[in-house]
Amino acid sequence: MTEETTRRVRWHAGLEGDELQEGSISACTVPGAPNEMNLADAVADFVKELSRLNVELNGEAPSETVDPAPAMIGTNLAYVVAEVARMLRESAETTGSAVAREAAWRVETAWLAVLAGDIDDVEQHVAAEAAAR
């Protein structure tokens, strides 16, 4: 994993840099956050970072690997992604926001694709899963 990818994922969770910086998921889920369009954009960026992380952990074409070596995912990274999903679910519960509920689903679906280790394009996978719902 590159330092840049780790930094961006942590930034979205409010654990790196300015936790309320516009564009981060943490800023979009605080009470009174600006609007749901910002949240959708922040989640799209987070899923993009998970897609980049997927390539860093699992290679350019993980589906073509016959016997993949298991990627080591540290507890810090697992915590960050779980924290982002929790923030989104909590935001959905407290605001009744369908956008936040969908955002939580997108983050969890993207993370599961990374963990599966055989998905080539996480963003495309999330889009396909969303269309199938």
N, C-alpha and C. Protein backbone atom coordinates (compact mmCIF):
# COMPACT_ATOMS: atom_id res chain seq x y z
N MET A 1 0.84 -1.18 0.00
CA MET A 1 0.00 0.00 0.00
C MET A 1 0.88 1.23 0.00
N THR A 2 0.51 2.19 -0.83
CA THR A 2 1.29 3.41 -0.85
C THR A 2 0.86 4.33 0.29
N GLU A 3 1.76 5.18 0.67
CA GLU A 3 1.48 6.14 1.73
C GLU A 3 0.35 7.09 1.31
N GLU A 4 0.32 7.48 0.04
CA GLU A 4 -0.70 8.40 -0.45
C GLU A 4 -2.09 7.78 -0.34
N THR A 5 -2.23 6.53 -0.74
CA THR A 5 -3.55 5.87 -0.65
C THR A 5 -3.97 5.76 0.81
N THR A 6 -3.07 5.36 1.65
CA THR A 6 -3.37 5.24 3.08
C THR A 6 -3.79 6.59 3.65
N ARG A 7 -3.08 7.63 3.28
CA ARG A 7 -3.38 8.98 3.77
C ARG A 7 -4.77 9.42 3.33
N ARG A 8 -5.12 9.18 2.07
CA ARG A 8 -6.43 9.59 1.55
C ARG A 8 -7.57 8.81 2.22
N VAL A 9 -7.38 7.53 2.43
CA VAL A 9 -8.43 6.73 3.08
C VAL A 9 -8.61 7.23 4.51
N ARG A 10 -7.50 7.47 5.21
CA ARG A 10 -7.57 7.97 6.58
C ARG A 10 -8.18 9.37 6.64
N TRP A 11 -7.89 10.20 5.65
CA TRP A 11 -8.45 11.55 5.59
C TRP A 11 -9.97 11.50 5.53
N HIS A 12 -10.51 10.61 4.72
CA HIS A 12 -11.97 10.50 4.62
C HIS A 12 -12.60 10.12 5.95
N ALA A 13 -11.89 9.36 6.75
CA ALA A 13 -12.42 8.94 8.06
C ALA A 13 -12.20 10.01 9.13
N GLY A 14 -11.54 11.10 8.78
CA GLY A 14 -11.27 12.15 9.75
C GLY A 14 -10.09 11.83 10.64
N LEU A 15 -9.21 10.95 10.19
CA LEU A 15 -8.07 10.52 10.98
C LEU A 15 -6.74 11.05 10.46
N GLU A 16 -6.79 11.89 9.43
CA GLU A 16 -5.57 12.42 8.81
C GLU A 16 -5.86 13.84 8.37
N GLY A 17 -5.04 14.77 8.77
CA GLY A 17 -5.23 16.16 8.36
C GLY A 17 -6.46 16.78 9.01
N ASP A 18 -7.10 17.70 8.30
CA ASP A 18 -8.27 18.40 8.80
C ASP A 18 -9.48 17.49 8.67
N GLU A 19 -9.97 17.01 9.80
CA GLU A 19 -11.05 16.03 9.76
C GLU A 19 -12.35 16.58 9.17
N LEU A 20 -12.51 17.89 9.16
CA LEU A 20 -13.74 18.46 8.62
C LEU A 20 -13.51 19.17 7.29
N GLN A 21 -12.42 18.81 6.63
CA GLN A 21 -12.12 19.43 5.34
C GLN A 21 -13.19 19.05 4.33
N GLU A 22 -13.67 20.03 3.61
CA GLU A 22 -14.72 19.81 2.62
C GLU A 22 -14.30 18.71 1.64
N GLY A 23 -15.20 17.82 1.37
CA GLY A 23 -14.94 16.73 0.44
C GLY A 23 -14.67 15.40 1.12
N SER A 24 -14.42 15.44 2.44
CA SER A 24 -14.19 14.18 3.14
C SER A 24 -15.52 13.63 3.65
N ILE A 25 -15.58 12.33 3.81
CA ILE A 25 -16.79 11.71 4.33
C ILE A 25 -17.04 12.18 5.76
N SER A 26 -15.99 12.34 6.54
CA SER A 26 -16.17 12.80 7.92
C SER A 26 -16.84 14.17 7.95
N ALA A 27 -16.48 15.07 7.04
CA ALA A 27 -17.10 16.39 7.00
C ALA A 27 -18.55 16.32 6.55
N CYS A 28 -18.86 15.37 5.69
CA CYS A 28 -20.21 15.25 5.15
C CYS A 28 -21.18 14.55 6.10
N THR A 29 -20.67 13.93 7.14
CA THR A 29 -21.55 13.18 8.03
C THR A 29 -21.73 13.83 9.40
N VAL A 30 -21.11 14.98 9.62
CA VAL A 30 -21.35 15.67 10.89
C VAL A 30 -22.74 16.28 10.86
N PRO A 31 -23.38 16.40 12.02
CA PRO A 31 -24.72 17.01 12.04
C PRO A 31 -24.72 18.37 11.36
N GLY A 32 -25.70 18.59 10.50
CA GLY A 32 -25.81 19.85 9.78
C GLY A 32 -24.89 19.95 8.58
N ALA A 33 -24.38 18.82 8.11
CA ALA A 33 -23.49 18.83 6.94
C ALA A 33 -24.21 19.49 5.77
N PRO A 34 -23.45 20.12 4.86
CA PRO A 34 -24.03 20.96 3.81
C PRO A 34 -25.14 20.32 2.97
N ASN A 35 -24.84 19.28 2.22
CA ASN A 35 -25.89 18.66 1.42
C ASN A 35 -25.49 17.26 0.99
N GLU A 36 -26.48 16.53 0.50
CA GLU A 36 -26.25 15.14 0.14
C GLU A 36 -25.42 14.98 -1.12
N MET A 37 -25.38 15.99 -1.98
CA MET A 37 -24.56 15.92 -3.19
C MET A 37 -23.09 15.84 -2.80
N ASN A 38 -22.70 16.60 -1.78
CA ASN A 38 -21.32 16.53 -1.31
C ASN A 38 -21.00 15.13 -0.80
N LEU A 39 -21.95 14.51 -0.11
CA LEU A 39 -21.74 13.16 0.41
C LEU A 39 -21.56 12.17 -0.74
N ALA A 40 -22.38 12.25 -1.75
CA ALA A 40 -22.26 11.34 -2.90
C ALA A 40 -20.89 11.49 -3.56
N ASP A 41 -20.43 12.72 -3.70
CA ASP A 41 -19.11 12.96 -4.30
C ASP A 41 -17.99 12.41 -3.41
N ALA A 42 -18.12 12.61 -2.09
CA ALA A 42 -17.11 12.11 -1.15
C ALA A 42 -17.04 10.59 -1.19
N VAL A 43 -18.19 9.94 -1.26
CA VAL A 43 -18.22 8.48 -1.30
C VAL A 43 -17.64 7.98 -2.62
N ALA A 44 -17.94 8.65 -3.71
CA ALA A 44 -17.35 8.26 -5.00
C ALA A 44 -15.83 8.35 -4.93
N ASP A 45 -15.31 9.39 -4.29
CA ASP A 45 -13.86 9.53 -4.14
C ASP A 45 -13.30 8.42 -3.25
N PHE A 46 -14.01 8.08 -2.18
CA PHE A 46 -13.55 7.02 -1.28
C PHE A 46 -13.52 5.67 -1.99
N VAL A 47 -14.55 5.38 -2.77
CA VAL A 47 -14.58 4.13 -3.53
C VAL A 47 -13.45 4.11 -4.55
N LYS A 48 -13.16 5.25 -5.14
CA LYS A 48 -12.02 5.35 -6.06
C LYS A 48 -10.72 5.01 -5.34
N GLU A 49 -10.56 5.51 -4.11
CA GLU A 49 -9.36 5.19 -3.32
C GLU A 49 -9.31 3.70 -2.97
N LEU A 50 -10.46 3.11 -2.67
CA LEU A 50 -10.49 1.67 -2.41
C LEU A 50 -10.13 0.89 -3.66
N SER A 51 -10.53 1.40 -4.81
CA SER A 51 -10.17 0.75 -6.07
C SER A 51 -8.66 0.81 -6.28
N ARG A 52 -8.07 1.94 -5.97
CA ARG A 52 -6.61 2.08 -6.07
C ARG A 52 -5.92 1.15 -5.06
N LEU A 53 -6.47 1.08 -3.87
CA LEU A 53 -5.95 0.18 -2.84
C LEU A 53 -6.03 -1.27 -3.31
N ASN A 54 -7.11 -1.62 -3.97
CA ASN A 54 -7.29 -2.97 -4.49
C ASN A 54 -6.15 -3.36 -5.42
N VAL A 55 -5.78 -2.45 -6.31
CA VAL A 55 -4.68 -2.72 -7.25
C VAL A 55 -3.36 -2.84 -6.48
N GLU A 56 -3.17 -1.97 -5.49
CA GLU A 56 -1.93 -2.03 -4.71
C GLU A 56 -1.82 -3.34 -3.93
N LEU A 57 -2.93 -3.83 -3.42
CA LEU A 57 -2.90 -5.06 -2.63
C LEU A 57 -2.97 -6.33 -3.47
N ASN A 58 -3.79 -6.29 -4.52
CA ASN A 58 -4.11 -7.51 -5.25
C ASN A 58 -3.57 -7.58 -6.67
N GLY A 59 -2.92 -6.51 -7.14
CA GLY A 59 -2.36 -6.49 -8.49
C GLY A 59 -3.32 -5.89 -9.50
N GLU A 60 -2.79 -5.68 -10.70
CA GLU A 60 -3.57 -5.04 -11.77
C GLU A 60 -4.77 -5.87 -12.23
N ALA A 61 -4.63 -7.18 -12.25
CA ALA A 61 -5.71 -8.05 -12.71
C ALA A 61 -5.87 -9.23 -11.75
N PRO A 62 -6.42 -8.98 -10.57
CA PRO A 62 -6.51 -10.05 -9.58
C PRO A 62 -7.32 -11.26 -10.03
N SER A 63 -8.26 -11.06 -10.94
CA SER A 63 -9.08 -12.19 -11.40
C SER A 63 -8.28 -13.18 -12.23
N GLU A 64 -7.12 -12.77 -12.72
CA GLU A 64 -6.31 -13.65 -13.54
C GLU A 64 -5.30 -14.46 -12.74
N THR A 65 -5.22 -14.21 -11.45
CA THR A 65 -4.29 -14.93 -10.60
C THR A 65 -4.90 -16.26 -10.18
N VAL A 66 -4.20 -17.34 -10.49
CA VAL A 66 -4.72 -18.67 -10.18
C VAL A 66 -4.65 -18.96 -8.69
N ASP A 67 -3.51 -18.69 -8.11
CA ASP A 67 -3.32 -18.96 -6.69
C ASP A 67 -2.75 -17.71 -6.03
N PRO A 68 -3.63 -16.75 -5.73
CA PRO A 68 -3.12 -15.48 -5.21
C PRO A 68 -2.54 -15.61 -3.82
N ALA A 69 -1.47 -14.86 -3.59
CA ALA A 69 -0.91 -14.77 -2.24
C ALA A 69 -1.84 -13.86 -1.45
N PRO A 70 -2.19 -14.24 -0.25
CA PRO A 70 -3.11 -13.40 0.52
C PRO A 70 -2.47 -12.05 0.85
N ALA A 71 -3.21 -10.98 0.59
CA ALA A 71 -2.72 -9.65 0.92
C ALA A 71 -2.86 -9.43 2.42
N MET A 72 -1.88 -8.80 2.97
CA MET A 72 -1.92 -8.50 4.40
C MET A 72 -2.56 -7.13 4.59
N ILE A 73 -3.68 -7.12 5.24
CA ILE A 73 -4.39 -5.88 5.51
C ILE A 73 -4.29 -5.63 7.01
N GLY A 74 -3.66 -4.53 7.35
CA GLY A 74 -3.46 -4.20 8.76
C GLY A 74 -4.76 -3.80 9.45
N THR A 75 -4.75 -3.95 10.74
CA THR A 75 -5.94 -3.59 11.52
C THR A 75 -6.23 -2.10 11.43
N ASN A 76 -5.20 -1.28 11.25
CA ASN A 76 -5.44 0.16 11.12
C ASN A 76 -6.29 0.46 9.90
N LEU A 77 -5.97 -0.16 8.77
CA LEU A 77 -6.75 0.05 7.56
C LEU A 77 -8.16 -0.51 7.71
N ALA A 78 -8.27 -1.68 8.27
CA ALA A 78 -9.60 -2.28 8.49
C ALA A 78 -10.45 -1.38 9.39
N TYR A 79 -9.83 -0.81 10.42
CA TYR A 79 -10.54 0.11 11.30
C TYR A 79 -11.03 1.34 10.54
N VAL A 80 -10.18 1.91 9.71
CA VAL A 80 -10.53 3.12 8.98
C VAL A 80 -11.76 2.87 8.10
N VAL A 81 -11.77 1.79 7.36
CA VAL A 81 -12.90 1.52 6.47
C VAL A 81 -14.17 1.23 7.29
N ALA A 82 -14.02 0.49 8.37
CA ALA A 82 -15.18 0.22 9.24
C ALA A 82 -15.71 1.52 9.85
N GLU A 83 -14.83 2.42 10.20
CA GLU A 83 -15.24 3.71 10.77
C GLU A 83 -16.00 4.54 9.75
N VAL A 84 -15.55 4.56 8.52
CA VAL A 84 -16.26 5.29 7.46
C VAL A 84 -17.66 4.69 7.27
N ALA A 85 -17.75 3.38 7.21
CA ALA A 85 -19.06 2.73 7.06
C ALA A 85 -19.96 3.05 8.25
N ARG A 86 -19.39 3.05 9.45
CA ARG A 86 -20.17 3.37 10.64
C ARG A 86 -20.69 4.80 10.59
N MET A 87 -19.83 5.75 10.20
CA MET A 87 -20.26 7.15 10.10
C MET A 87 -21.43 7.29 9.13
N LEU A 88 -21.34 6.59 8.01
CA LEU A 88 -22.41 6.67 7.01
C LEU A 88 -23.70 6.04 7.51
N ARG A 89 -23.61 4.87 8.14
CA ARG A 89 -24.81 4.23 8.67
C ARG A 89 -25.45 5.09 9.76
N GLU A 90 -24.62 5.65 10.64
CA GLU A 90 -25.14 6.51 11.71
C GLU A 90 -25.79 7.75 11.13
N SER A 91 -25.19 8.33 10.12
CA SER A 91 -25.77 9.49 9.46
C SER A 91 -27.13 9.13 8.84
N ALA A 92 -27.20 7.97 8.22
CA ALA A 92 -28.46 7.53 7.62
C ALA A 92 -29.55 7.34 8.69
N GLU A 93 -29.15 6.77 9.81
CA GLU A 93 -30.11 6.53 10.90
C GLU A 93 -30.60 7.83 11.52
N THR A 94 -29.70 8.77 11.76
CA THR A 94 -30.09 10.00 12.45
C THR A 94 -30.81 10.99 11.54
N THR A 95 -30.50 10.96 10.25
CA THR A 95 -31.12 11.92 9.33
C THR A 95 -32.21 11.31 8.47
N GLY A 96 -32.25 9.99 8.41
CA GLY A 96 -33.20 9.34 7.51
C GLY A 96 -32.80 9.47 6.06
N SER A 97 -31.57 9.82 5.81
CA SER A 97 -31.09 10.08 4.46
C SER A 97 -30.90 8.78 3.65
N ALA A 98 -31.62 8.71 2.54
CA ALA A 98 -31.45 7.57 1.63
C ALA A 98 -30.07 7.63 0.97
N VAL A 99 -29.55 8.83 0.76
CA VAL A 99 -28.23 9.00 0.15
C VAL A 99 -27.16 8.42 1.08
N ALA A 100 -27.27 8.69 2.38
CA ALA A 100 -26.30 8.16 3.34
C ALA A 100 -26.41 6.65 3.44
N ARG A 101 -27.62 6.13 3.39
CA ARG A 101 -27.83 4.67 3.45
C ARG A 101 -27.19 4.01 2.22
N GLU A 102 -27.41 4.59 1.06
CA GLU A 102 -26.81 4.08 -0.18
C GLU A 102 -25.28 4.21 -0.13
N ALA A 103 -24.80 5.30 0.43
CA ALA A 103 -23.36 5.52 0.56
C ALA A 103 -22.71 4.44 1.41
N ALA A 104 -23.36 4.10 2.52
CA ALA A 104 -22.83 3.03 3.39
C ALA A 104 -22.78 1.72 2.62
N TRP A 105 -23.82 1.43 1.87
CA TRP A 105 -23.84 0.19 1.07
C TRP A 105 -22.69 0.19 0.06
N ARG A 106 -22.46 1.32 -0.60
CA ARG A 106 -21.39 1.41 -1.60
C ARG A 106 -20.01 1.18 -0.97
N VAL A 107 -19.77 1.79 0.18
CA VAL A 107 -18.49 1.63 0.85
C VAL A 107 -18.30 0.17 1.26
N GLU A 108 -19.31 -0.43 1.84
CA GLU A 108 -19.19 -1.82 2.28
C GLU A 108 -19.02 -2.77 1.10
N THR A 109 -19.72 -2.51 0.01
CA THR A 109 -19.59 -3.35 -1.19
C THR A 109 -18.19 -3.22 -1.78
N ALA A 110 -17.66 -2.00 -1.83
CA ALA A 110 -16.30 -1.79 -2.35
C ALA A 110 -15.28 -2.48 -1.46
N TRP A 111 -15.42 -2.37 -0.16
CA TRP A 111 -14.47 -2.97 0.77
C TRP A 111 -14.50 -4.49 0.65
N LEU A 112 -15.67 -5.05 0.54
CA LEU A 112 -15.77 -6.51 0.38
C LEU A 112 -15.11 -6.96 -0.92
N ALA A 113 -15.20 -6.15 -1.96
CA ALA A 113 -14.53 -6.48 -3.23
C ALA A 113 -13.02 -6.48 -3.05
N VAL A 114 -12.50 -5.51 -2.29
CA VAL A 114 -11.05 -5.49 -2.02
C VAL A 114 -10.67 -6.75 -1.25
N LEU A 115 -11.43 -7.07 -0.22
CA LEU A 115 -11.12 -8.25 0.59
C LEU A 115 -11.23 -9.55 -0.20
N ALA A 116 -12.16 -9.61 -1.15
CA ALA A 116 -12.31 -10.82 -1.96
C ALA A 116 -11.03 -11.12 -2.73
N GLY A 117 -10.35 -10.06 -3.16
CA GLY A 117 -9.05 -10.23 -3.81
C GLY A 117 -9.09 -10.69 -5.25
N ASP A 118 -10.29 -10.80 -5.84
CA ASP A 118 -10.36 -11.26 -7.23
C ASP A 118 -11.19 -10.34 -8.12
N ILE A 119 -11.44 -9.14 -7.67
CA ILE A 119 -12.19 -8.15 -8.44
C ILE A 119 -11.19 -7.21 -9.11
N ASP A 120 -11.27 -7.09 -10.42
CA ASP A 120 -10.32 -6.25 -11.15
C ASP A 120 -10.61 -4.76 -11.01
N ASP A 121 -11.87 -4.37 -11.08
CA ASP A 121 -12.24 -2.96 -11.05
C ASP A 121 -13.32 -2.76 -10.00
N VAL A 122 -12.94 -2.24 -8.86
CA VAL A 122 -13.86 -2.09 -7.73
C VAL A 122 -14.99 -1.12 -8.07
N GLU A 123 -14.67 -0.01 -8.70
CA GLU A 123 -15.71 0.97 -9.04
C GLU A 123 -16.74 0.36 -9.98
N GLN A 124 -16.28 -0.36 -10.97
CA GLN A 124 -17.18 -1.03 -11.91
C GLN A 124 -18.01 -2.10 -11.19
N HIS A 125 -17.39 -2.82 -10.28
CA HIS A 125 -18.08 -3.85 -9.50
C HIS A 125 -19.21 -3.24 -8.68
N VAL A 126 -18.93 -2.13 -8.02
CA VAL A 126 -19.96 -1.47 -7.20
C VAL A 126 -21.11 -0.99 -8.11
N ALA A 127 -20.78 -0.42 -9.25
CA ALA A 127 -21.82 0.03 -10.18
C ALA A 127 -22.69 -1.13 -10.66
N ALA A 128 -22.06 -2.25 -10.99
CA ALA A 128 -22.80 -3.42 -11.46
C ALA A 128 -23.70 -3.98 -10.34
N GLU A 129 -23.17 -4.04 -9.13
CA GLU A 129 -23.96 -4.52 -8.00
C GLU A 129 -25.13 -3.58 -7.72
N ALA A 130 -24.91 -2.29 -7.84
CA ALA A 130 -25.99 -1.30 -7.62
C ALA A 130 -27.07 -1.46 -8.67
N ALA A 131 -26.66 -1.69 -9.91
CA ALA A 131 -27.64 -1.86 -10.99
C ALA A 131 -28.46 -3.15 -10.81
N ALA A 132 -27.86 -4.14 -10.18
CA ALA A 132 -28.55 -5.42 -9.98
C ALA A 132 -29.53 -5.38 -8.81
N ARG A 133 -29.44 -4.36 -7.97
CA ARG A 133 -30.31 -4.28 -6.80
C ARG A 133 -31.73 -3.95 -7.14
